[in-house]
Amino acid sequence: MSSSAPSEVRRRCLVSGRVQMVGFRAYAARRADDLGLVGWVRNRADGRLETLVQGPLPAVLDYVDFLREGPPAALVDGVQIEEEAVGPGLPQFSIAG
């Protein structure tokens, strides 16, 4: 039996709200590591948090659900999600500058 679902997916997410200076990047990196995902997370100059994540679809969906909640000190107003083509070259999940 074959499945039409891809084994890996890549998503770029922009998280808005009170998402900087609340430990969100470290919290997101820990969650991604726990899920076995690769990619990065960073603060943007416009006040949003940006993350690029790649891995198995169920793990990526779990990570995206996590972004909607965030760490206890965060107040997430929204998450914009963009599908991207899976590709090589993403390192172990990291906090980007």
PDB file of N, CA and C in Angstrom:
ATOM      1  N   MET A   1       0.851  -1.178   0.000  1.00  0.00           N
ATOM      2  CA  MET A   1       0.000   0.000   0.000  1.00  0.00           C
ATOM      3  C   MET A   1       0.893   1.236   0.000  1.00  0.00           C
ATOM      4  N   SER A   2       0.650   2.148  -0.912  1.00  0.00           N
ATOM      5  CA  SER A   2       1.444   3.374  -0.967  1.00  0.00           C
ATOM      6  C   SER A   2       0.633   4.541  -0.453  1.00  0.00           C
ATOM      7  N   SER A   3       1.348   5.532   0.003  1.00  0.00           N
ATOM      8  CA  SER A   3       0.710   6.732   0.542  1.00  0.00           C
ATOM      9  C   SER A   3       1.105   7.913  -0.325  1.00  0.00           C
ATOM     10  N   SER A   4       0.178   8.835  -0.534  1.00  0.00           N
ATOM     11  CA  SER A   4       0.485  10.007  -1.335  1.00  0.00           C
ATOM     12  C   SER A   4       1.058  11.131  -0.473  1.00  0.00           C
ATOM     13  N   ALA A   5       1.064  10.963   0.856  1.00  0.00           N
ATOM     14  CA  ALA A   5       1.597  11.990   1.750  1.00  0.00           C
ATOM     15  C   ALA A   5       3.127  11.973   1.687  1.00  0.00           C
ATOM     16  N   PRO A   6       3.738  13.164   1.634  1.00  0.00           N
ATOM     17  CA  PRO A   6       5.193  13.212   1.603  1.00  0.00           C
ATOM     18  C   PRO A   6       5.773  12.758   2.938  1.00  0.00           C
ATOM     19  N   SER A   7       6.955  12.137   2.886  1.00  0.00           N
ATOM     20  CA  SER A   7       7.580  11.689   4.124  1.00  0.00           C
ATOM     21  C   SER A   7       8.179  12.865   4.883  1.00  0.00           C
ATOM     22  N   GLU A   8       8.616  13.899   4.175  1.00  0.00           N
ATOM     23  CA  GLU A   8       9.149  15.100   4.810  1.00  0.00           C
ATOM     24  C   GLU A   8       8.510  16.323   4.181  1.00  0.00           C
ATOM     25  N   VAL A   9       8.362  17.350   5.006  1.00  0.00           N
ATOM     26  CA  VAL A   9       7.830  18.629   4.546  1.00  0.00           C
ATOM     27  C   VAL A   9       8.687  19.744   5.117  1.00  0.00           C
ATOM     28  N   ARG A  10       8.570  20.918   4.511  1.00  0.00           N
ATOM     29  CA  ARG A  10       9.272  22.118   4.996  1.00  0.00           C
ATOM     30  C   ARG A  10       8.263  23.238   5.100  1.00  0.00           C
ATOM     31  N   ARG A  11       8.312  23.959   6.221  1.00  0.00           N
ATOM     32  CA  ARG A  11       7.409  25.087   6.441  1.00  0.00           C
ATOM     33  C   ARG A  11       8.192  26.281   6.970  1.00  0.00           C
ATOM     34  N   ARG A  12       7.860  27.463   6.457  1.00  0.00           N
ATOM     35  CA  ARG A  12       8.371  28.725   6.992  1.00  0.00           C
ATOM     36  C   ARG A  12       7.204  29.369   7.737  1.00  0.00           C
ATOM     37  N   CYS A  13       7.435  29.744   8.979  1.00  0.00           N
ATOM     38  CA  CYS A  13       6.372  30.318   9.803  1.00  0.00           C
ATOM     39  C   CYS A  13       6.796  31.673  10.344  1.00  0.00           C
ATOM     40  N   LEU A  14       5.859  32.615  10.321  1.00  0.00           N
ATOM     41  CA  LEU A  14       6.040  33.926  10.917  1.00  0.00           C
ATOM     42  C   LEU A  14       5.032  34.053  12.053  1.00  0.00           C
ATOM     43  N   VAL A  15       5.545  34.274  13.256  1.00  0.00           N
ATOM     44  CA  VAL A  15       4.712  34.322  14.448  1.00  0.00           C
ATOM     45  C   VAL A  15       4.641  35.764  14.916  1.00  0.00           C
ATOM     46  N   SER A  16       3.416  36.274  15.087  1.00  0.00           N
ATOM     47  CA  SER A  16       3.240  37.659  15.528  1.00  0.00           C
ATOM     48  C   SER A  16       2.616  37.703  16.913  1.00  0.00           C
ATOM     49  N   GLY A  17       2.814  38.842  17.562  1.00  0.00           N
ATOM     50  CA  GLY A  17       2.310  39.046  18.916  1.00  0.00           C
ATOM     51  C   GLY A  17       3.468  39.431  19.832  1.00  0.00           C
ATOM     52  N   ARG A  18       3.316  39.127  21.116  1.00  0.00           N
ATOM     53  CA  ARG A  18       4.424  39.357  22.051  1.00  0.00           C
ATOM     54  C   ARG A  18       5.271  38.085  22.019  1.00  0.00           C
ATOM     55  N   VAL A  19       6.229  38.061  21.082  1.00  0.00           N
ATOM     56  CA  VAL A  19       6.997  36.843  20.825  1.00  0.00           C
ATOM     57  C   VAL A  19       8.502  37.051  20.938  1.00  0.00           C
ATOM     58  N   GLN A  20       8.925  38.270  21.233  1.00  0.00           N
ATOM     59  CA  GLN A  20      10.344  38.543  21.441  1.00  0.00           C
ATOM     60  C   GLN A  20      10.550  38.929  22.904  1.00  0.00           C
ATOM     61  N   MET A  21      11.730  38.600  23.414  1.00  0.00           N
ATOM     62  CA  MET A  21      12.102  38.880  24.813  1.00  0.00           C
ATOM     63  C   MET A  21      11.275  38.049  25.800  1.00  0.00           C
ATOM     64  N   VAL A  22      10.788  36.893  25.358  1.00  0.00           N
ATOM     65  CA  VAL A  22      10.003  36.008  26.230  1.00  0.00           C
ATOM     66  C   VAL A  22      10.543  34.575  26.202  1.00  0.00           C
ATOM     67  N   GLY A  23      11.735  34.379  25.645  1.00  0.00           N
ATOM     68  CA  GLY A  23      12.337  33.055  25.586  1.00  0.00           C
ATOM     69  C   GLY A  23      11.786  32.158  24.499  1.00  0.00           C
ATOM     70  N   PHE A  24      11.108  32.747  23.514  1.00  0.00           N
ATOM     71  CA  PHE A  24      10.442  31.964  22.474  1.00  0.00           C
ATOM     72  C   PHE A  24      11.440  31.176  21.628  1.00  0.00           C
ATOM     73  N   ARG A  25      12.554  31.799  21.246  1.00  0.00           N
ATOM     74  CA  ARG A  25      13.515  31.111  20.367  1.00  0.00           C
ATOM     75  C   ARG A  25      14.084  29.858  21.038  1.00  0.00           C
ATOM     76  N   ALA A  26      14.491  29.972  22.283  1.00  0.00           N
ATOM     77  CA  ALA A  26      15.038  28.813  22.998  1.00  0.00           C
ATOM     78  C   ALA A  26      13.973  27.742  23.179  1.00  0.00           C
ATOM     79  N   TYR A  27      12.769  28.165  23.490  1.00  0.00           N
ATOM     80  CA  TYR A  27      11.647  27.242  23.674  1.00  0.00           C
ATOM     81  C   TYR A  27      11.350  26.502  22.366  1.00  0.00           C
ATOM     82  N   ALA A  28      11.357  27.237  21.253  1.00  0.00           N
ATOM     83  CA  ALA A  28      11.101  26.640  19.939  1.00  0.00           C
ATOM     84  C   ALA A  28      12.221  25.674  19.552  1.00  0.00           C
ATOM     85  N   ALA A  29      13.460  26.045  19.821  1.00  0.00           N
ATOM     86  CA  ALA A  29      14.591  25.179  19.490  1.00  0.00           C
ATOM     87  C   ALA A  29      14.521  23.875  20.278  1.00  0.00           C
ATOM     88  N   ARG A  30      14.167  23.972  21.533  1.00  0.00           N
ATOM     89  CA  ARG A  30      14.038  22.773  22.361  1.00  0.00           C
ATOM     90  C   ARG A  30      12.943  21.851  21.824  1.00  0.00           C
ATOM     91  N   ARG A  31      11.810  22.464  21.447  1.00  0.00           N
ATOM     92  CA  ARG A  31      10.690  21.677  20.917  1.00  0.00           C
ATOM     93  C   ARG A  31      11.081  20.989  19.611  1.00  0.00           C
ATOM     94  N   ALA A  32      11.745  21.739  18.719  1.00  0.00           N
ATOM     95  CA  ALA A  32      12.182  21.173  17.440  1.00  0.00           C
ATOM     96  C   ALA A  32      13.157  20.015  17.663  1.00  0.00           C
ATOM     97  N   ASP A  33      14.092  20.189  18.587  1.00  0.00           N
ATOM     98  CA  ASP A  33      15.037  19.109  18.894  1.00  0.00           C
ATOM     99  C   ASP A  33      14.298  17.878  19.404  1.00  0.00           C
ATOM    100  N   ASP A  34      13.342  18.089  20.300  1.00  0.00           N
ATOM    101  CA  ASP A  34      12.563  16.975  20.848  1.00  0.00           C
ATOM    102  C   ASP A  34      11.825  16.215  19.747  1.00  0.00           C
ATOM    103  N   LEU A  35      11.410  16.932  18.705  1.00  0.00           N
ATOM    104  CA  LEU A  35      10.656  16.331  17.597  1.00  0.00           C
ATOM    105  C   LEU A  35      11.562  15.797  16.479  1.00  0.00           C
ATOM    106  N   GLY A  36      12.870  16.023  16.594  1.00  0.00           N
ATOM    107  CA  GLY A  36      13.798  15.539  15.574  1.00  0.00           C
ATOM    108  C   GLY A  36      13.781  16.351  14.291  1.00  0.00           C
ATOM    109  N   LEU A  37      13.432  17.628  14.391  1.00  0.00           N
ATOM    110  CA  LEU A  37      13.344  18.492  13.210  1.00  0.00           C
ATOM    111  C   LEU A  37      14.655  19.229  12.968  1.00  0.00           C
ATOM    112  N   VAL A  38      14.848  19.689  11.735  1.00  0.00           N
ATOM    113  CA  VAL A  38      15.997  20.520  11.382  1.00  0.00           C
ATOM    114  C   VAL A  38      15.481  21.884  10.951  1.00  0.00           C
ATOM    115  N   GLY A  39      16.369  22.889  11.019  1.00  0.00           N
ATOM    116  CA  GLY A  39      15.997  24.237  10.607  1.00  0.00           C
ATOM    117  C   GLY A  39      16.547  25.280  11.546  1.00  0.00           C
ATOM    118  N   TRP A  40      15.814  26.387  11.668  1.00  0.00           N
ATOM    119  CA  TRP A  40      16.269  27.484  12.515  1.00  0.00           C
ATOM    120  C   TRP A  40      15.097  28.342  12.953  1.00  0.00           C
ATOM    121  N   VAL A  41      15.378  29.201  13.947  1.00  0.00           N
ATOM    122  CA  VAL A  41      14.413  30.176  14.433  1.00  0.00           C
ATOM    123  C   VAL A  41      15.173  31.474  14.701  1.00  0.00           C
ATOM    124  N   ARG A  42      14.536  32.613  14.438  1.00  0.00           N
ATOM    125  CA  ARG A  42      15.193  33.904  14.679  1.00  0.00           C
ATOM    126  C   ARG A  42      14.156  34.979  14.937  1.00  0.00           C
ATOM    127  N   ASN A  43      14.600  36.058  15.591  1.00  0.00           N
ATOM    128  CA  ASN A  43      13.781  37.250  15.734  1.00  0.00           C
ATOM    129  C   ASN A  43      13.941  38.089  14.483  1.00  0.00           C
ATOM    130  N   ARG A  44      12.870  38.746  14.082  1.00  0.00           N
ATOM    131  CA  ARG A  44      12.914  39.666  12.941  1.00  0.00           C
ATOM    132  C   ARG A  44      12.855  41.097  13.442  1.00  0.00           C
ATOM    133  N   ALA A  45      13.376  42.005  12.640  1.00  0.00           N
ATOM    134  CA  ALA A  45      13.379  43.419  13.003  1.00  0.00           C
ATOM    135  C   ALA A  45      11.967  43.988  13.141  1.00  0.00           C
ATOM    136  N   ASP A  46      10.987  43.368  12.480  1.00  0.00           N
ATOM    137  CA  ASP A  46       9.612  43.874  12.543  1.00  0.00           C
ATOM    138  C   ASP A  46       8.852  43.398  13.791  1.00  0.00           C
ATOM    139  N   GLY A  47       9.555  42.689  14.703  1.00  0.00           N
ATOM    140  CA  GLY A  47       8.934  42.250  15.946  1.00  0.00           C
ATOM    141  C   GLY A  47       8.361  40.844  15.900  1.00  0.00           C
ATOM    142  N   ARG A  48       8.354  40.233  14.722  1.00  0.00           N
ATOM    143  CA  ARG A  48       7.857  38.864  14.615  1.00  0.00           C
ATOM    144  C   ARG A  48       8.992  37.868  14.824  1.00  0.00           C
ATOM    145  N   LEU A  49       8.608  36.619  15.000  1.00  0.00           N
ATOM    146  CA  LEU A  49       9.537  35.507  15.080  1.00  0.00           C
ATOM    147  C   LEU A  49       9.405  34.735  13.778  1.00  0.00           C
ATOM    148  N   GLU A  50      10.532  34.341  13.193  1.00  0.00           N
ATOM    149  CA  GLU A  50      10.514  33.567  11.950  1.00  0.00           C
ATOM    150  C   GLU A  50      11.205  32.234  12.194  1.00  0.00           C
ATOM    151  N   THR A  51      10.650  31.186  11.638  1.00  0.00           N
ATOM    152  CA  THR A  51      11.264  29.870  11.762  1.00  0.00           C
ATOM    153  C   THR A  51      11.094  29.092  10.467  1.00  0.00           C
ATOM    154  N   LEU A  52      12.112  28.340  10.120  1.00  0.00           N
ATOM    155  CA  LEU A  52      12.076  27.436   8.975  1.00  0.00           C
ATOM    156  C   LEU A  52      12.329  26.048   9.535  1.00  0.00           C
ATOM    157  N   VAL A  53      11.429  25.130   9.271  1.00  0.00           N
ATOM    158  CA  VAL A  53      11.506  23.806   9.874  1.00  0.00           C
ATOM    159  C   VAL A  53      11.241  22.739   8.821  1.00  0.00           C
ATOM    160  N   GLN A  54      11.957  21.621   8.960  1.00  0.00           N
ATOM    161  CA  GLN A  54      11.787  20.512   8.026  1.00  0.00           C
ATOM    162  C   GLN A  54      11.862  19.199   8.789  1.00  0.00           C
ATOM    163  N   GLY A  55      10.979  18.270   8.379  1.00  0.00           N
ATOM    164  CA  GLY A  55      10.971  16.945   8.984  1.00  0.00           C
ATOM    165  C   GLY A  55       9.703  16.208   8.605  1.00  0.00           C
ATOM    166  N   PRO A  56       9.424  15.100   9.295  1.00  0.00           N
ATOM    167  CA  PRO A  56       8.212  14.334   9.021  1.00  0.00           C
ATOM    168  C   PRO A  56       6.959  15.180   9.280  1.00  0.00           C
ATOM    169  N   LEU A  57       5.958  15.016   8.420  1.00  0.00           N
ATOM    170  CA  LEU A  57       4.748  15.822   8.507  1.00  0.00           C
ATOM    171  C   LEU A  57       4.133  15.839   9.912  1.00  0.00           C
ATOM    172  N   PRO A  58       3.948  14.708  10.589  1.00  0.00           N
ATOM    173  CA  PRO A  58       3.331  14.769  11.919  1.00  0.00           C
ATOM    174  C   PRO A  58       4.132  15.627  12.913  1.00  0.00           C
ATOM    175  N   ALA A  59       5.468  15.531  12.841  1.00  0.00           N
ATOM    176  CA  ALA A  59       6.315  16.317  13.736  1.00  0.00           C
ATOM    177  C   ALA A  59       6.237  17.805  13.398  1.00  0.00           C
ATOM    178  N   VAL A  60       6.224  18.146  12.118  1.00  0.00           N
ATOM    179  CA  VAL A  60       6.115  19.553  11.709  1.00  0.00           C
ATOM    180  C   VAL A  60       4.762  20.122  12.146  1.00  0.00           C
ATOM    181  N   LEU A  61       3.690  19.356  12.000  1.00  0.00           N
ATOM    182  CA  LEU A  61       2.372  19.822  12.439  1.00  0.00           C
ATOM    183  C   LEU A  61       2.340  20.038  13.949  1.00  0.00           C
ATOM    184  N   ASP A  62       2.991  19.164  14.698  1.00  0.00           N
ATOM    185  CA  ASP A  62       3.089  19.316  16.150  1.00  0.00           C
ATOM    186  C   ASP A  62       3.826  20.614  16.487  1.00  0.00           C
ATOM    187  N   TYR A  63       4.935  20.876  15.785  1.00  0.00           N
ATOM    188  CA  TYR A  63       5.728  22.086  15.995  1.00  0.00           C
ATOM    189  C   TYR A  63       4.898  23.340  15.692  1.00  0.00           C
ATOM    190  N   VAL A  64       4.153  23.316  14.596  1.00  0.00           N
ATOM    191  CA  VAL A  64       3.316  24.459  14.230  1.00  0.00           C
ATOM    192  C   VAL A  64       2.235  24.694  15.297  1.00  0.00           C
ATOM    193  N   ASP A  65       1.648  23.624  15.807  1.00  0.00           N
ATOM    194  CA  ASP A  65       0.675  23.768  16.903  1.00  0.00           C
ATOM    195  C   ASP A  65       1.331  24.409  18.115  1.00  0.00           C
ATOM    196  N   PHE A  66       2.562  24.001  18.403  1.00  0.00           N
ATOM    197  CA  PHE A  66       3.309  24.599  19.505  1.00  0.00           C
ATOM    198  C   PHE A  66       3.494  26.102  19.288  1.00  0.00           C
ATOM    199  N   LEU A  67       3.804  26.513  18.049  1.00  0.00           N
ATOM    200  CA  LEU A  67       4.005  27.935  17.754  1.00  0.00           C
ATOM    201  C   LEU A  67       2.756  28.754  18.057  1.00  0.00           C
ATOM    202  N   ARG A  68       1.600  28.168  17.869  1.00  0.00           N
ATOM    203  CA  ARG A  68       0.344  28.885  18.115  1.00  0.00           C
ATOM    204  C   ARG A  68       0.139  29.184  19.599  1.00  0.00           C
ATOM    205  N   GLU A  69       0.773  28.391  20.454  1.00  0.00           N
ATOM    206  CA  GLU A  69       0.682  28.595  21.906  1.00  0.00           C
ATOM    207  C   GLU A  69       1.876  29.375  22.430  1.00  0.00           C
ATOM    208  N   GLY A  70       3.080  28.934  22.076  1.00  0.00           N
ATOM    209  CA  GLY A  70       4.305  29.577  22.531  1.00  0.00           C
ATOM    210  C   GLY A  70       4.588  29.307  23.993  1.00  0.00           C
ATOM    211  N   PRO A  71       5.690  29.873  24.493  1.00  0.00           N
ATOM    212  CA  PRO A  71       6.034  29.713  25.898  1.00  0.00           C
ATOM    213  C   PRO A  71       5.076  30.518  26.784  1.00  0.00           C
ATOM    214  N   PRO A  72       5.089  30.269  28.090  1.00  0.00           N
ATOM    215  CA  PRO A  72       4.126  30.924  28.987  1.00  0.00           C
ATOM    216  C   PRO A  72       4.115  32.454  28.920  1.00  0.00           C
ATOM    217  N   ALA A  73       5.265  33.103  28.730  1.00  0.00           N
ATOM    218  CA  ALA A  73       5.325  34.569  28.733  1.00  0.00           C
ATOM    219  C   ALA A  73       4.906  35.194  27.399  1.00  0.00           C
ATOM    220  N   ALA A  74       4.737  34.384  26.363  1.00  0.00           N
ATOM    221  CA  ALA A  74       4.379  34.908  25.037  1.00  0.00           C
ATOM    222  C   ALA A  74       2.874  35.120  24.924  1.00  0.00           C
ATOM    223  N   LEU A  75       2.511  35.973  23.984  1.00  0.00           N
ATOM    224  CA  LEU A  75       1.109  36.182  23.619  1.00  0.00           C
ATOM    225  C   LEU A  75       1.060  36.161  22.094  1.00  0.00           C
ATOM    226  N   VAL A  76       0.710  35.007  21.536  1.00  0.00           N
ATOM    227  CA  VAL A  76       0.717  34.812  20.078  1.00  0.00           C
ATOM    228  C   VAL A  76      -0.592  35.339  19.499  1.00  0.00           C
ATOM    229  N   ASP A  77      -0.466  36.284  18.557  1.00  0.00           N
ATOM    230  CA  ASP A  77      -1.632  36.825  17.853  1.00  0.00           C
ATOM    231  C   ASP A  77      -1.945  36.024  16.593  1.00  0.00           C
ATOM    232  N   GLY A  78      -0.913  35.457  15.962  1.00  0.00           N
ATOM    233  CA  GLY A  78      -1.143  34.698  14.741  1.00  0.00           C
ATOM    234  C   GLY A  78       0.109  34.037  14.235  1.00  0.00           C
ATOM    235  N   VAL A  79      -0.087  33.017  13.408  1.00  0.00           N
ATOM    236  CA  VAL A  79       1.021  32.309  12.776  1.00  0.00           C
ATOM    237  C   VAL A  79       0.727  32.206  11.288  1.00  0.00           C
ATOM    238  N   GLN A  80       1.592  32.807  10.489  1.00  0.00           N
ATOM    239  CA  GLN A  80       1.491  32.713   9.026  1.00  0.00           C
ATOM    240  C   GLN A  80       2.388  31.556   8.586  1.00  0.00           C
ATOM    241  N   ILE A  81       1.830  30.609   7.847  1.00  0.00           N
ATOM    242  CA  ILE A  81       2.558  29.403   7.465  1.00  0.00           C
ATOM    243  C   ILE A  81       2.666  29.332   5.946  1.00  0.00           C
ATOM    244  N   GLU A  82       3.878  29.119   5.460  1.00  0.00           N
ATOM    245  CA  GLU A  82       4.118  28.975   4.030  1.00  0.00           C
ATOM    246  C   GLU A  82       4.762  27.625   3.774  1.00  0.00           C
ATOM    247  N   GLU A  83       4.219  26.875   2.810  1.00  0.00           N
ATOM    248  CA  GLU A  83       4.836  25.613   2.405  1.00  0.00           C
ATOM    249  C   GLU A  83       6.021  25.932   1.509  1.00  0.00           C
ATOM    250  N   GLU A  84       7.105  25.186   1.691  1.00  0.00           N
ATOM    251  CA  GLU A  84       8.276  25.323   0.835  1.00  0.00           C
ATOM    252  C   GLU A  84       8.687  23.940   0.344  1.00  0.00           C
ATOM    253  N   ALA A  85       9.428  23.911  -0.726  1.00  0.00           N
ATOM    254  CA  ALA A  85       9.935  22.640  -1.240  1.00  0.00           C
ATOM    255  C   ALA A  85      10.987  22.094  -0.290  1.00  0.00           C
ATOM    256  N   VAL A  86      10.925  20.804  -0.042  1.00  0.00           N
ATOM    257  CA  VAL A  86      11.921  20.146   0.795  1.00  0.00           C
ATOM    258  C   VAL A  86      13.253  20.191   0.069  1.00  0.00           C
ATOM    259  N   GLY A  87      14.289  20.475   0.821  1.00  0.00           N
ATOM    260  CA  GLY A  87      15.598  20.541   0.201  1.00  0.00           C
ATOM    261  C   GLY A  87      16.685  20.169   1.188  1.00  0.00           C
ATOM    262  N   PRO A  88      17.869  19.941   0.673  1.00  0.00           N
ATOM    263  CA  PRO A  88      19.002  19.621   1.540  1.00  0.00           C
ATOM    264  C   PRO A  88      19.571  20.889   2.158  1.00  0.00           C
ATOM    265  N   GLY A  89      20.492  20.715   3.039  1.00  0.00           N
ATOM    266  CA  GLY A  89      21.254  21.852   3.522  1.00  0.00           C
ATOM    267  C   GLY A  89      20.801  22.457   4.830  1.00  0.00           C
ATOM    268  N   LEU A  90      19.676  22.013   5.403  1.00  0.00           N
ATOM    269  CA  LEU A  90      19.299  22.556   6.698  1.00  0.00           C
ATOM    270  C   LEU A  90      20.088  21.847   7.787  1.00  0.00           C
ATOM    271  N   PRO A  91      20.666  22.614   8.683  1.00  0.00           N
ATOM    272  CA  PRO A  91      21.462  22.013   9.750  1.00  0.00           C
ATOM    273  C   PRO A  91      20.569  21.510  10.881  1.00  0.00           C
ATOM    274  N   GLN A  92      21.207  20.911  11.864  1.00  0.00           N
ATOM    275  CA  GLN A  92      20.500  20.599  13.095  1.00  0.00           C
ATOM    276  C   GLN A  92      19.840  21.893  13.554  1.00  0.00           C
ATOM    277  N   PHE A  93      18.686  21.810  14.182  1.00  0.00           N
ATOM    278  CA  PHE A  93      17.915  23.009  14.517  1.00  0.00           C
ATOM    279  C   PHE A  93      18.756  23.967  15.352  1.00  0.00           C
ATOM    280  N   SER A  94      18.707  25.255  14.994  1.00  0.00           N
ATOM    281  CA  SER A  94      19.525  26.242  15.685  1.00  0.00           C
ATOM    282  C   SER A  94      18.771  27.560  15.854  1.00  0.00           C
ATOM    283  N   ILE A  95      19.320  28.380  16.734  1.00  0.00           N
ATOM    284  CA  ILE A  95      18.834  29.738  16.919  1.00  0.00           C
ATOM    285  C   ILE A  95      19.713  30.633  16.060  1.00  0.00           C
ATOM    286  N   ALA A  96      19.105  31.278  15.067  1.00  0.00           N
ATOM    287  CA  ALA A  96      19.861  32.134  14.140  1.00  0.00           C
ATOM    288  C   ALA A  96      19.940  33.542  14.717  1.00  0.00           C
ATOM    289  N   GLY A  97      20.970  34.267  14.279  1.00  0.00           N
ATOM    290  CA  GLY A  97      21.197  35.622  14.783  1.00  0.00           C
ATOM    291  C   GLY A  97      20.301  36.649  14.248  1.00  0.00           C
TER     292      GLY A  97
END
